[in-house]
Amino acid sequence: MGRMSGIMIVGVILAVVGIVGLAVPVFTTQKTEEVAKIGDLKLQATEQTSHTIPPIVSGGVLALGLVLIGAGLYQTR
C-alpha cells in the first residue's frame, strides 16, 4: 500500500468533511456593511448569520467518502 490513488484521497477528504459536519452542525458568519457615510464619518453595521448543516447531508457526504475509500482499496488490489 505505497501510494494512495486519487479516488481514495477524495474519499478521505469527503469522509473528514462529513465527520466535521456531524460534529459541528451550526456555524455563524459575519458581514459588515456600510450603513451611512457623512463626510469622513462612516457608520457600519455587523450582521451575524447562523447556518445549519442538515445531518442527512453530513451523513451522505461521510457515506460517499467511505464508498470512495472502499473503491480505491478495491482498485489497488
C-alpha atoms as a PDB file:
ATOM      1  CA  MET A   1       0.000   0.000   0.000  1.00  0.00           C
ATOM      2  CA  GLY A   2       2.623   2.505  -1.068  1.00  0.00           C
ATOM      3  CA  ARG A   3       0.616   5.111  -2.969  1.00  0.00           C
ATOM      4  CA  MET A   4      -2.917   6.273  -2.461  1.00  0.00           C
ATOM      5  CA  SER A   5      -4.961   6.659  -5.602  1.00  0.00           C
ATOM      6  CA  GLY A   6      -6.783   9.893  -6.389  1.00  0.00           C
ATOM      7  CA  ILE A   7     -10.158   8.326  -5.660  1.00  0.00           C
ATOM      8  CA  MET A   8      -9.002   7.368  -2.151  1.00  0.00           C
ATOM      9  CA  ILE A   9      -7.712  10.872  -1.448  1.00  0.00           C
ATOM     10  CA  VAL A  10     -11.065  12.362  -2.474  1.00  0.00           C
ATOM     11  CA  GLY A  11     -12.801   9.746  -0.318  1.00  0.00           C
ATOM     12  CA  VAL A  12     -10.702  10.630   2.736  1.00  0.00           C
ATOM     13  CA  ILE A  13     -11.388  14.344   2.236  1.00  0.00           C
ATOM     14  CA  LEU A  14     -15.141  13.740   1.917  1.00  0.00           C
ATOM     15  CA  ALA A  15     -15.155  11.468   4.979  1.00  0.00           C
ATOM     16  CA  VAL A  16     -13.383  14.116   7.070  1.00  0.00           C
ATOM     17  CA  VAL A  17     -15.785  16.819   5.860  1.00  0.00           C
ATOM     18  CA  GLY A  18     -18.731  14.564   6.748  1.00  0.00           C
ATOM     19  CA  ILE A  19     -17.391  13.926  10.260  1.00  0.00           C
ATOM     20  CA  VAL A  20     -16.792  17.642  10.821  1.00  0.00           C
ATOM     21  CA  GLY A  21     -20.308  18.398   9.560  1.00  0.00           C
ATOM     22  CA  LEU A  22     -21.777  15.931  12.041  1.00  0.00           C
ATOM     23  CA  ALA A  23     -19.622  17.242  14.901  1.00  0.00           C
ATOM     24  CA  VAL A  24     -20.284  20.951  14.225  1.00  0.00           C
ATOM     25  CA  PRO A  25     -23.693  21.258  12.540  1.00  0.00           C
ATOM     26  CA  VAL A  26     -24.122  25.016  13.159  1.00  0.00           C
ATOM     27  CA  PHE A  27     -21.688  27.802  12.277  1.00  0.00           C
ATOM     28  CA  THR A  28     -22.004  31.572  12.075  1.00  0.00           C
ATOM     29  CA  THR A  29     -20.648  34.114   9.637  1.00  0.00           C
ATOM     30  CA  GLN A  30     -20.306  37.870   9.989  1.00  0.00           C
ATOM     31  CA  LYS A  31     -20.924  40.510   7.358  1.00  0.00           C
ATOM     32  CA  THR A  32     -20.072  44.174   7.859  1.00  0.00           C
ATOM     33  CA  GLU A  33     -21.923  46.713   5.741  1.00  0.00           C
ATOM     34  CA  GLU A  34     -21.566  50.451   5.461  1.00  0.00           C
ATOM     35  CA  VAL A  35     -24.894  51.932   6.548  1.00  0.00           C
ATOM     36  CA  ALA A  36     -24.232  55.647   6.130  1.00  0.00           C
ATOM     37  CA  LYS A  37     -21.384  57.980   5.205  1.00  0.00           C
ATOM     38  CA  ILE A  38     -21.354  61.637   6.170  1.00  0.00           C
ATOM     39  CA  GLY A  39     -18.084  63.278   5.234  1.00  0.00           C
ATOM     40  CA  ASP A  40     -15.315  61.320   6.955  1.00  0.00           C
ATOM     41  CA  LEU A  41     -17.768  59.661   9.337  1.00  0.00           C
ATOM     42  CA  LYS A  42     -18.787  56.130   8.388  1.00  0.00           C
ATOM     43  CA  LEU A  43     -21.471  54.112  10.126  1.00  0.00           C
ATOM     44  CA  GLN A  44     -21.118  50.376   9.805  1.00  0.00           C
ATOM     45  CA  ALA A  45     -23.332  47.534  10.959  1.00  0.00           C
ATOM     46  CA  THR A  46     -22.191  43.979  11.581  1.00  0.00           C
ATOM     47  CA  GLU A  47     -24.729  41.249  10.939  1.00  0.00           C
ATOM     48  CA  GLN A  48     -24.246  37.682  12.188  1.00  0.00           C
ATOM     49  CA  THR A  49     -25.936  34.874  10.306  1.00  0.00           C
ATOM     50  CA  SER A  50     -26.254  31.281  11.549  1.00  0.00           C
ATOM     51  CA  HIS A  51     -26.050  28.430   9.064  1.00  0.00           C
ATOM     52  CA  THR A  52     -27.189  24.881   9.807  1.00  0.00           C
ATOM     53  CA  ILE A  53     -25.890  21.804   8.007  1.00  0.00           C
ATOM     54  CA  PRO A  54     -28.575  19.095   7.952  1.00  0.00           C
ATOM     55  CA  PRO A  55     -27.361  15.796   9.455  1.00  0.00           C
ATOM     56  CA  ILE A  56     -28.614  13.884   6.404  1.00  0.00           C
ATOM     57  CA  VAL A  57     -26.226  15.882   4.194  1.00  0.00           C
ATOM     58  CA  SER A  58     -23.262  15.297   6.519  1.00  0.00           C
ATOM     59  CA  GLY A  59     -24.102  11.613   6.756  1.00  0.00           C
ATOM     60  CA  GLY A  60     -24.413  11.359   2.984  1.00  0.00           C
ATOM     61  CA  VAL A  61     -21.040  13.004   2.440  1.00  0.00           C
ATOM     62  CA  LEU A  62     -19.482  10.676   5.023  1.00  0.00           C
ATOM     63  CA  ALA A  63     -21.050   7.614   3.358  1.00  0.00           C
ATOM     64  CA  LEU A  64     -19.874   8.735  -0.092  1.00  0.00           C
ATOM     65  CA  GLY A  65     -16.361   9.228   1.273  1.00  0.00           C
ATOM     66  CA  LEU A  66     -16.341   5.713   2.733  1.00  0.00           C
ATOM     67  CA  VAL A  67     -17.598   4.254  -0.556  1.00  0.00           C
ATOM     68  CA  LEU A  68     -14.829   6.042  -2.461  1.00  0.00           C
ATOM     69  CA  ILE A  69     -12.212   4.794   0.018  1.00  0.00           C
ATOM     70  CA  GLY A  70     -13.517   1.267  -0.470  1.00  0.00           C
ATOM     71  CA  ALA A  71     -13.456   1.672  -4.244  1.00  0.00           C
ATOM     72  CA  GLY A  72      -9.875   2.922  -4.058  1.00  0.00           C
ATOM     73  CA  LEU A  73      -8.858  -0.070  -1.947  1.00  0.00           C
ATOM     74  CA  TYR A  74     -10.599  -2.436  -4.354  1.00  0.00           C
ATOM     75  CA  GLN A  75      -8.892  -0.792  -7.320  1.00  0.00           C
ATOM     76  CA  THR A  76      -5.390  -1.194  -5.862  1.00  0.00           C
ATOM     77  CA  ARG A  77      -5.805  -4.967  -5.359  1.00  0.00           C
END
